[in-house]
PDB file of N, CA and C in Angstrom:
ATOM      1  N   UNK A   1       1.120  19.961  21.208  1.00  0.00           N
ATOM      2  CA  UNK A   1       1.730  20.029  20.239  1.00  0.00           C
ATOM      3  C   UNK A   1       2.252  19.001  19.175  1.00  0.00           C
ATOM      4  N   UNK A   2       2.578  19.089  18.023  1.00  0.00           N
ATOM      5  CA  UNK A   2       2.937  18.229  16.966  1.00  0.00           C
ATOM      6  C   UNK A   2       3.872  17.612  17.288  1.00  0.00           C
ATOM      7  N   UNK A   3       4.141  16.665  17.275  1.00  0.00           N
ATOM      8  CA  UNK A   3       5.670  16.704  16.931  1.00  0.00           C
ATOM      9  C   UNK A   3       6.095  16.505  15.358  1.00  0.00           C
ATOM     10  N   UNK A   4       7.229  17.096  15.216  1.00  0.00           N
ATOM     11  CA  UNK A   4       7.700  17.091  14.003  1.00  0.00           C
ATOM     12  C   UNK A   4       7.683  16.144  13.272  1.00  0.00           C
ATOM     13  N   UNK A   5       7.396  14.818  13.132  1.00  0.00           N
ATOM     14  CA  UNK A   5       7.079  14.022  12.082  1.00  0.00           C
ATOM     15  C   UNK A   5       5.694  14.180  11.919  1.00  0.00           C
ATOM     16  N   UNK A   6       5.155  14.486  12.395  1.00  0.00           N
ATOM     17  CA  UNK A   6       3.629  14.580  12.757  1.00  0.00           C
ATOM     18  C   UNK A   6       3.560  16.096  11.309  1.00  0.00           C
ATOM     19  N   UNK A   7       3.698  16.853  11.880  1.00  0.00           N
ATOM     20  CA  UNK A   7       3.642  17.780  11.230  1.00  0.00           C
ATOM     21  C   UNK A   7       3.895  17.763   9.629  1.00  0.00           C
ATOM     22  N   UNK A   8       5.509  17.279   9.349  1.00  0.00           N
ATOM     23  CA  UNK A   8       5.795  16.804   8.320  1.00  0.00           C
ATOM     24  C   UNK A   8       5.076  16.268   7.741  1.00  0.00           C
ATOM     25  N   UNK A   9       4.589  15.106   7.663  1.00  0.00           N
ATOM     26  CA  UNK A   9       3.539  14.031   6.960  1.00  0.00           C
ATOM     27  C   UNK A   9       2.137  15.017   6.923  1.00  0.00           C
ATOM     28  N   UNK A  10       1.431  15.927   7.185  1.00  0.00           N
ATOM     29  CA  UNK A  10       0.134  16.541   7.393  1.00  0.00           C
ATOM     30  C   UNK A  10       0.990  17.633   6.491  1.00  0.00           C
ATOM     31  N   UNK A  11       1.524  17.945   6.301  1.00  0.00           N
ATOM     32  CA  UNK A  11       2.143  18.643   5.223  1.00  0.00           C
ATOM     33  C   UNK A  11       2.422  18.639   3.720  1.00  0.00           C
ATOM     34  N   UNK A  12       2.538  17.440   4.175  1.00  0.00           N
ATOM     35  CA  UNK A  12       2.697  16.697   2.959  1.00  0.00           C
ATOM     36  C   UNK A  12       1.126  16.528   2.099  1.00  0.00           C
ATOM     37  N   UNK A  13       0.596  15.734   3.193  1.00  0.00           N
ATOM     38  CA  UNK A  13      -1.139  15.050   2.161  1.00  0.00           C
ATOM     39  C   UNK A  13      -1.560  16.546   2.691  1.00  0.00           C
ATOM     40  N   UNK A  14      -1.998  17.650   3.160  1.00  0.00           N
ATOM     41  CA  UNK A  14      -1.977  18.503   2.419  1.00  0.00           C
ATOM     42  C   UNK A  14      -1.933  19.170   0.686  1.00  0.00           C
ATOM     43  N   UNK A  15      -1.349  18.151   0.208  1.00  0.00           N
ATOM     44  CA  UNK A  15      -0.844  19.257  -1.028  1.00  0.00           C
ATOM     45  C   UNK A  15      -1.451  17.978  -1.956  1.00  0.00           C
ATOM     46  N   UNK A  16      -2.535  17.326  -1.746  1.00  0.00           N
ATOM     47  CA  UNK A  16      -3.543  16.258  -2.399  1.00  0.00           C
ATOM     48  C   UNK A  16      -4.288  16.786  -2.667  1.00  0.00           C
ATOM     49  N   UNK A  17      -4.922  17.375  -3.778  1.00  0.00           N
ATOM     50  CA  UNK A  17      -5.840  17.847  -4.470  1.00  0.00           C
ATOM     51  C   UNK A  17      -7.118  17.708  -3.510  1.00  0.00           C
ATOM     52  N   UNK A  18      -7.942  18.791  -2.572  1.00  0.00           N
ATOM     53  CA  UNK A  18      -9.182  18.659  -1.889  1.00  0.00           C
ATOM     54  C   UNK A  18      -8.888  17.967  -0.272  1.00  0.00           C
ATOM     55  N   UNK A  19      -7.581  17.625  -0.601  1.00  0.00           N
ATOM     56  CA  UNK A  19      -7.446  17.140   1.232  1.00  0.00           C
ATOM     57  C   UNK A  19      -7.000  18.770   1.914  1.00  0.00           C
ATOM     58  N   UNK A  20      -7.564  18.559   2.849  1.00  0.00           N
ATOM     59  CA  UNK A  20      -7.659  20.083   3.843  1.00  0.00           C
ATOM     60  C   UNK A  20      -6.781  19.524   5.707  1.00  0.00           C
ATOM     61  N   UNK A  21      -6.518  20.055   6.230  1.00  0.00           N
ATOM     62  CA  UNK A  21      -6.148  19.562   7.529  1.00  0.00           C
ATOM     63  C   UNK A  21      -6.859  19.041   8.603  1.00  0.00           C
ATOM     64  N   UNK A  22      -8.165  19.249   7.775  1.00  0.00           N
ATOM     65  CA  UNK A  22      -9.020  18.033   9.318  1.00  0.00           C
ATOM     66  C   UNK A  22      -9.022  16.566   8.049  1.00  0.00           C
ATOM     67  N   UNK A  23      -8.839  16.178   7.210  1.00  0.00           N
ATOM     68  CA  UNK A  23      -8.549  15.055   6.637  1.00  0.00           C
ATOM     69  C   UNK A  23      -7.243  14.750   6.594  1.00  0.00           C
ATOM     70  N   UNK A  24      -6.480  15.916   6.476  1.00  0.00           N
ATOM     71  CA  UNK A  24      -4.922  15.094   6.121  1.00  0.00           C
ATOM     72  C   UNK A  24      -4.806  14.504   8.110  1.00  0.00           C
ATOM     73  N   UNK A  25      -4.971  15.221   8.731  1.00  0.00           N
ATOM     74  CA  UNK A  25      -5.401  14.952  10.101  1.00  0.00           C
ATOM     75  C   UNK A  25      -6.077  13.223  10.658  1.00  0.00           C
ATOM     76  N   UNK A  26      -7.009  13.058   9.397  1.00  0.00           N
ATOM     77  CA  UNK A  26      -7.533  11.752   9.589  1.00  0.00           C
ATOM     78  C   UNK A  26      -6.768  10.918   8.707  1.00  0.00           C
ATOM     79  N   UNK A  27      -6.438  11.489   8.350  1.00  0.00           N
ATOM     80  CA  UNK A  27      -5.346  10.187   7.566  1.00  0.00           C
ATOM     81  C   UNK A  27      -4.170   9.841   8.459  1.00  0.00           C
ATOM     82  N   UNK A  28      -3.732  10.691   8.513  1.00  0.00           N
ATOM     83  CA  UNK A  28      -2.883  10.377   9.587  1.00  0.00           C
ATOM     84  C   UNK A  28      -3.323   9.549  11.170  1.00  0.00           C
ATOM     85  N   UNK A  29      -4.199   9.329  11.377  1.00  0.00           N
ATOM     86  CA  UNK A  29      -5.146   9.104  12.751  1.00  0.00           C
ATOM     87  C   UNK A  29      -5.159   7.334  11.735  1.00  0.00           C
ATOM     88  N   UNK A  30      -4.841   7.521  10.867  1.00  0.00           N
ATOM     89  CA  UNK A  30      -5.596   6.311  10.173  1.00  0.00           C
ATOM     90  C   UNK A  30      -4.198   5.051   9.895  1.00  0.00           C
ATOM     91  N   UNK A  31      -3.256   6.162  10.231  1.00  0.00           N
ATOM     92  CA  UNK A  31      -2.002   5.425   9.664  1.00  0.00           C
ATOM     93  C   UNK A  31      -1.422   5.826   8.650  1.00  0.00           C
ATOM     94  N   UNK A  32      -2.261   6.956   7.842  1.00  0.00           N
ATOM     95  CA  UNK A  32      -1.093   6.750   6.233  1.00  0.00           C
ATOM     96  C   UNK A  32      -0.123   8.378   6.811  1.00  0.00           C
ATOM     97  N   UNK A  33       1.129   7.781   6.175  1.00  0.00           N
ATOM     98  CA  UNK A  33       2.212   8.744   6.397  1.00  0.00           C
ATOM     99  C   UNK A  33       3.198   8.885   5.247  1.00  0.00           C
ATOM    100  N   UNK A  34       2.304   9.138   3.943  1.00  0.00           N
ATOM    101  CA  UNK A  34       2.701   9.802   2.596  1.00  0.00           C
ATOM    102  C   UNK A  34       1.693   9.567   1.999  1.00  0.00           C
ATOM    103  N   UNK A  35       1.723  10.308   0.576  1.00  0.00           N
ATOM    104  CA  UNK A  35       0.822  10.091  -0.297  1.00  0.00           C
ATOM    105  C   UNK A  35       0.836   8.475  -1.071  1.00  0.00           C
ATOM    106  N   UNK A  36       1.843   7.971  -1.132  1.00  0.00           N
ATOM    107  CA  UNK A  36       2.100   6.929  -1.827  1.00  0.00           C
ATOM    108  C   UNK A  36       1.423   5.881  -0.763  1.00  0.00           C
ATOM    109  N   UNK A  37       1.622   5.486   0.552  1.00  0.00           N
ATOM    110  CA  UNK A  37       0.484   4.412   1.598  1.00  0.00           C
ATOM    111  C   UNK A  37      -0.648   4.055   1.231  1.00  0.00           C
ATOM    112  N   UNK A  38      -1.082   5.595   0.201  1.00  0.00           N
ATOM    113  CA  UNK A  38      -2.812   5.827  -0.362  1.00  0.00           C
ATOM    114  C   UNK A  38      -2.932   4.497  -0.891  1.00  0.00           C
ATOM    115  N   UNK A  39      -1.951   4.150  -1.714  1.00  0.00           N
ATOM    116  CA  UNK A  39      -1.904   3.432  -3.011  1.00  0.00           C
ATOM    117  C   UNK A  39      -1.748   1.366  -2.460  1.00  0.00           C
ATOM    118  N   UNK A  40      -1.744   1.900  -0.976  1.00  0.00           N
ATOM    119  CA  UNK A  40      -1.956   0.721  -0.718  1.00  0.00           C
ATOM    120  C   UNK A  40      -3.335   0.356   0.205  1.00  0.00           C
ATOM    121  N   UNK A  41      -4.342   1.488   0.378  1.00  0.00           N
ATOM    122  CA  UNK A  41      -5.120   1.185   1.062  1.00  0.00           C
ATOM    123  C   UNK A  41      -6.470   1.313   0.363  1.00  0.00           C
ATOM    124  N   UNK A  42      -7.737   0.379   0.439  1.00  0.00           N
ATOM    125  CA  UNK A  42      -8.727   0.699  -0.001  1.00  0.00           C
ATOM    126  C   UNK A  42      -9.872   2.067   0.629  1.00  0.00           C
ATOM    127  N   UNK A  43     -10.148   3.237  -0.247  1.00  0.00           N
ATOM    128  CA  UNK A  43     -10.763   4.425   0.656  1.00  0.00           C
ATOM    129  C   UNK A  43     -11.778   3.381   1.378  1.00  0.00           C
ATOM    130  N   UNK A  44     -12.325   2.054   0.973  1.00  0.00           N
ATOM    131  CA  UNK A  44     -13.469   2.217   1.381  1.00  0.00           C
ATOM    132  C   UNK A  44     -13.307   1.484   2.967  1.00  0.00           C
ATOM    133  N   UNK A  45     -12.050   0.847   2.670  1.00  0.00           N
ATOM    134  CA  UNK A  45     -11.289   0.382   4.349  1.00  0.00           C
ATOM    135  C   UNK A  45     -10.990   1.361   5.170  1.00  0.00           C
ATOM    136  N   UNK A  46     -10.632   2.349   4.482  1.00  0.00           N
ATOM    137  CA  UNK A  46     -10.080   3.235   5.278  1.00  0.00           C
ATOM    138  C   UNK A  46     -11.554   4.116   6.593  1.00  0.00           C
ATOM    139  N   UNK A  47     -12.282   4.225   5.212  1.00  0.00           N
ATOM    140  CA  UNK A  47     -14.040   4.697   6.055  1.00  0.00           C
ATOM    141  C   UNK A  47     -14.732   4.462   6.841  1.00  0.00           C
ATOM    142  N   UNK A  48     -14.359   3.404   6.884  1.00  0.00           N
ATOM    143  CA  UNK A  48     -14.948   1.579   8.032  1.00  0.00           C
ATOM    144  C   UNK A  48     -14.493   2.377   9.387  1.00  0.00           C
ATOM    145  N   UNK A  49     -12.842   2.508   9.003  1.00  0.00           N
ATOM    146  CA  UNK A  49     -11.860   1.936  10.193  1.00  0.00           C
ATOM    147  C   UNK A  49     -12.154   3.607  10.544  1.00  0.00           C
ATOM    148  N   UNK A  50     -12.220   4.749  10.078  1.00  0.00           N
ATOM    149  CA  UNK A  50     -12.370   5.242  10.382  1.00  0.00           C
ATOM    150  C   UNK A  50     -13.856   6.441  10.745  1.00  0.00           C
ATOM    151  N   UNK A  51     -14.944   5.386  10.657  1.00  0.00           N
ATOM    152  CA  UNK A  51     -15.751   6.268  11.742  1.00  0.00           C
ATOM    153  C   UNK A  51     -16.138   5.178  12.444  1.00  0.00           C
ATOM    154  N   UNK A  52     -15.497   3.819  12.712  1.00  0.00           N
ATOM    155  CA  UNK A  52     -14.962   3.115  13.699  1.00  0.00           C
ATOM    156  C   UNK A  52     -13.885   3.767  15.404  1.00  0.00           C
ATOM    157  N   UNK A  53     -13.059   4.586  14.407  1.00  0.00           N
ATOM    158  CA  UNK A  53     -12.268   5.039  15.016  1.00  0.00           C
ATOM    159  C   UNK A  53     -12.624   6.421  16.068  1.00  0.00           C
ATOM    160  N   UNK A  54     -13.664   7.272  14.865  1.00  0.00           N
ATOM    161  CA  UNK A  54     -14.313   8.465  15.920  1.00  0.00           C
ATOM    162  C   UNK A  54     -15.636   8.035  16.834  1.00  0.00           C
ATOM    163  N   UNK A  55     -16.146   7.033  16.394  1.00  0.00           N
ATOM    164  CA  UNK A  55     -16.945   6.286  16.776  1.00  0.00           C
ATOM    165  C   UNK A  55     -18.468   6.836  16.584  1.00  0.00           C
ATOM    166  N   UNK A  56     -18.371   7.487  15.457  1.00  0.00           N
ATOM    167  CA  UNK A  56     -19.914   7.964  15.056  1.00  0.00           C
ATOM    168  C   UNK A  56     -19.840   7.190  13.433  1.00  0.00           C
ATOM    169  N   UNK A  57     -20.677   7.469  12.763  1.00  0.00           N
ATOM    170  CA  UNK A  57     -20.879   7.600  11.100  1.00  0.00           C
ATOM    171  C   UNK A  57     -20.139   9.169  10.853  1.00  0.00           C
ATOM    172  N   UNK A  58     -19.055   8.631  10.105  1.00  0.00           N
ATOM    173  CA  UNK A  58     -18.581   9.936   9.363  1.00  0.00           C
ATOM    174  C   UNK A  58     -19.376  10.497   7.893  1.00  0.00           C
ATOM    175  N   UNK A  59     -19.498  11.475   8.587  1.00  0.00           N
ATOM    176  CA  UNK A  59     -19.744  11.796   6.393  1.00  0.00           C
ATOM    177  C   UNK A  59     -19.634  11.310   4.857  1.00  0.00           C
ATOM    178  N   UNK A  60     -20.369  10.976   4.722  1.00  0.00           N
ATOM    179  CA  UNK A  60     -20.006   9.646   3.565  1.00  0.00           C
ATOM    180  C   UNK A  60     -19.454  10.955   2.449  1.00  0.00           C
ATOM    181  N   UNK A  61     -19.352  12.180   2.208  1.00  0.00           N
ATOM    182  CA  UNK A  61     -18.729  13.294   1.211  1.00  0.00           C
ATOM    183  C   UNK A  61     -16.536  12.642   2.106  1.00  0.00           C
ATOM    184  N   UNK A  62     -16.462  12.184   3.040  1.00  0.00           N
ATOM    185  CA  UNK A  62     -15.031  11.601   2.930  1.00  0.00           C
ATOM    186  C   UNK A  62     -14.676  10.311   2.307  1.00  0.00           C
ATOM    187  N   UNK A  63     -15.636   9.887   2.141  1.00  0.00           N
ATOM    188  CA  UNK A  63     -15.264   8.636   1.396  1.00  0.00           C
ATOM    189  C   UNK A  63     -15.142   8.869  -0.142  1.00  0.00           C
ATOM    190  N   UNK A  64     -15.486   9.705  -0.649  1.00  0.00           N
ATOM    191  CA  UNK A  64     -15.224  10.639  -2.092  1.00  0.00           C
ATOM    192  C   UNK A  64     -13.818  11.303  -1.779  1.00  0.00           C
ATOM    193  N   UNK A  65     -13.745  12.107  -0.544  1.00  0.00           N
ATOM    194  CA  UNK A  65     -12.208  12.352  -0.810  1.00  0.00           C
ATOM    195  C   UNK A  65     -11.050  11.831  -0.789  1.00  0.00           C
ATOM    196  N   UNK A  66     -11.180  10.251  -0.129  1.00  0.00           N
ATOM    197  CA  UNK A  66     -10.355   9.193   0.058  1.00  0.00           C
ATOM    198  C   UNK A  66     -10.272   8.177  -1.575  1.00  0.00           C
ATOM    199  N   UNK A  67     -11.479   8.037  -2.107  1.00  0.00           N
ATOM    200  CA  UNK A  67     -11.210   7.989  -3.404  1.00  0.00           C
ATOM    201  C   UNK A  67     -10.898   8.403  -4.398  1.00  0.00           C
ATOM    202  N   UNK A  68     -11.050  10.243  -4.436  1.00  0.00           N
ATOM    203  CA  UNK A  68     -10.081  11.070  -5.030  1.00  0.00           C
ATOM    204  C   UNK A  68      -8.557  10.669  -4.782  1.00  0.00           C
ATOM    205  N   UNK A  69      -8.232  10.867  -3.210  1.00  0.00           N
ATOM    206  CA  UNK A  69      -6.674  11.052  -2.279  1.00  0.00           C
ATOM    207  C   UNK A  69      -6.570   9.766  -2.890  1.00  0.00           C
ATOM    208  N   UNK A  70      -6.863   8.430  -3.104  1.00  0.00           N
ATOM    209  CA  UNK A  70      -6.234   7.463  -3.674  1.00  0.00           C
ATOM    210  C   UNK A  70      -6.140   7.512  -5.102  1.00  0.00           C
ATOM    211  N   UNK A  71      -6.369   8.054  -5.909  1.00  0.00           N
ATOM    212  CA  UNK A  71      -6.657   8.710  -7.714  1.00  0.00           C
ATOM    213  C   UNK A  71      -5.503   9.508  -7.754  1.00  0.00           C
ATOM    214  N   UNK A  72      -5.270   9.917  -6.857  1.00  0.00           N
ATOM    215  CA  UNK A  72      -4.243  11.148  -6.511  1.00  0.00           C
ATOM    216  C   UNK A  72      -3.008  10.570  -6.617  1.00  0.00           C
ATOM    217  N   UNK A  73      -2.804   9.848  -5.616  1.00  0.00           N
ATOM    218  CA  UNK A  73      -1.737   8.624  -5.272  1.00  0.00           C
ATOM    219  C   UNK A  73      -1.280   8.170  -6.366  1.00  0.00           C
ATOM    220  N   UNK A  74      -2.474   7.757  -7.046  1.00  0.00           N
ATOM    221  CA  UNK A  74      -1.823   6.754  -8.470  1.00  0.00           C
ATOM    222  C   UNK A  74      -1.154   6.964  -9.560  1.00  0.00           C
ATOM    223  N   UNK A  75      -2.118   8.181  -9.477  1.00  0.00           N
ATOM    224  CA  UNK A  75      -2.238   9.202 -10.702  1.00  0.00           C
ATOM    225  C   UNK A  75      -1.221  10.125 -10.631  1.00  0.00           C
ATOM    226  N   UNK A  76      -0.480  11.060  -9.948  1.00  0.00           N
ATOM    227  CA  UNK A  76      -0.479  12.150  -9.340  1.00  0.00           C
ATOM    228  C   UNK A  76       0.007  13.191 -10.905  1.00  0.00           C
ATOM    229  N   UNK A  77       0.085  12.870 -11.687  1.00  0.00           N
ATOM    230  CA  UNK A  77      -0.284  14.037 -13.363  1.00  0.00           C
ATOM    231  C   UNK A  77      -1.825  14.284 -13.363  1.00  0.00           C
ATOM    232  N   UNK A  78      -2.883  13.473 -12.480  1.00  0.00           N
ATOM    233  CA  UNK A  78      -4.489  13.916 -12.896  1.00  0.00           C
ATOM    234  C   UNK A  78      -4.916  15.261 -12.835  1.00  0.00           C
ATOM    235  N   UNK A  79      -6.005  16.027 -13.534  1.00  0.00           N
ATOM    236  CA  UNK A  79      -6.039  17.204 -13.781  1.00  0.00           C
ATOM    237  C   UNK A  79      -6.421  16.963 -12.524  1.00  0.00           C
ATOM    238  N   UNK A  80      -6.130  18.465 -11.729  1.00  0.00           N
ATOM    239  CA  UNK A  80      -6.654  18.661 -10.078  1.00  0.00           C
ATOM    240  C   UNK A  80      -8.488  18.833 -10.597  1.00  0.00           C
ATOM    241  N   UNK A  81      -8.769  19.294 -11.537  1.00  0.00           N
ATOM    242  CA  UNK A  81     -10.249  19.677 -11.605  1.00  0.00           C
ATOM    243  C   UNK A  81     -11.035  18.569 -11.714  1.00  0.00           C
ATOM    244  N   UNK A  82     -10.061  17.320 -12.302  1.00  0.00           N
ATOM    245  CA  UNK A  82     -10.721  15.850 -12.371  1.00  0.00           C
ATOM    246  C   UNK A  82     -10.586  15.073 -11.008  1.00  0.00           C
ATOM    247  N   UNK A  83     -10.163  15.564 -10.016  1.00  0.00           N
ATOM    248  CA  UNK A  83     -10.244  15.560  -8.996  1.00  0.00           C
ATOM    249  C   UNK A  83     -10.886  15.543  -7.494  1.00  0.00           C
ATOM    250  N   UNK A  84     -11.751  16.593  -8.088  1.00  0.00           N
ATOM    251  CA  UNK A  84     -13.217  16.490  -7.165  1.00  0.00           C
ATOM    252  C   UNK A  84     -13.566  15.811  -6.716  1.00  0.00           C
ATOM    253  N   UNK A  85     -14.267  15.600  -5.095  1.00  0.00           N
ATOM    254  CA  UNK A  85     -14.737  14.496  -4.693  1.00  0.00           C
ATOM    255  C   UNK A  85     -15.965  13.861  -5.379  1.00  0.00           C
ATOM    256  N   UNK A  86     -17.444  14.559  -5.977  1.00  0.00           N
ATOM    257  CA  UNK A  86     -18.248  14.639  -6.702  1.00  0.00           C
ATOM    258  C   UNK A  86     -17.780  13.961  -7.549  1.00  0.00           C
ATOM    259  N   UNK A  87     -16.404  13.974  -7.934  1.00  0.00           N
ATOM    260  CA  UNK A  87     -16.346  12.951  -9.628  1.00  0.00           C
ATOM    261  C   UNK A  87     -16.388  11.691  -9.323  1.00  0.00           C
ATOM    262  N   UNK A  88     -16.358  11.265  -7.757  1.00  0.00           N
ATOM    263  CA  UNK A  88     -15.733   9.639  -7.025  1.00  0.00           C
ATOM    264  C   UNK A  88     -17.506   9.196  -5.983  1.00  0.00           C
ATOM    265  N   UNK A  89     -18.159   9.834  -6.106  1.00  0.00           N
ATOM    266  CA  UNK A  89     -19.440   9.551  -5.689  1.00  0.00           C
ATOM    267  C   UNK A  89     -19.839   8.299  -6.257  1.00  0.00           C
ATOM    268  N   UNK A  90     -20.782   7.667  -5.567  1.00  0.00           N
ATOM    269  CA  UNK A  90     -21.080   5.852  -5.660  1.00  0.00           C
ATOM    270  C   UNK A  90     -22.518   6.484  -7.171  1.00  0.00           C
TER     271      UNK A  90
END
């Protein structure tokens, strides 16, 4: 059973364009508790930490989603169409 705080955090995180329940859960596991928290963390750092946390390489698309989520956190008025993960590829 999810703790009420976790449920609220996940509910907030899935509001980020391109972030679904799985990514929101990953963000929570990485210590992200609000959209604002993303402005304080580098996507590359989060990606590396996620790989270590999972004990295996994670699909690189996760990095692109983290980059898009960070952009949204910094500029929430960004057109959602410009927050698609493929705009944040290497």
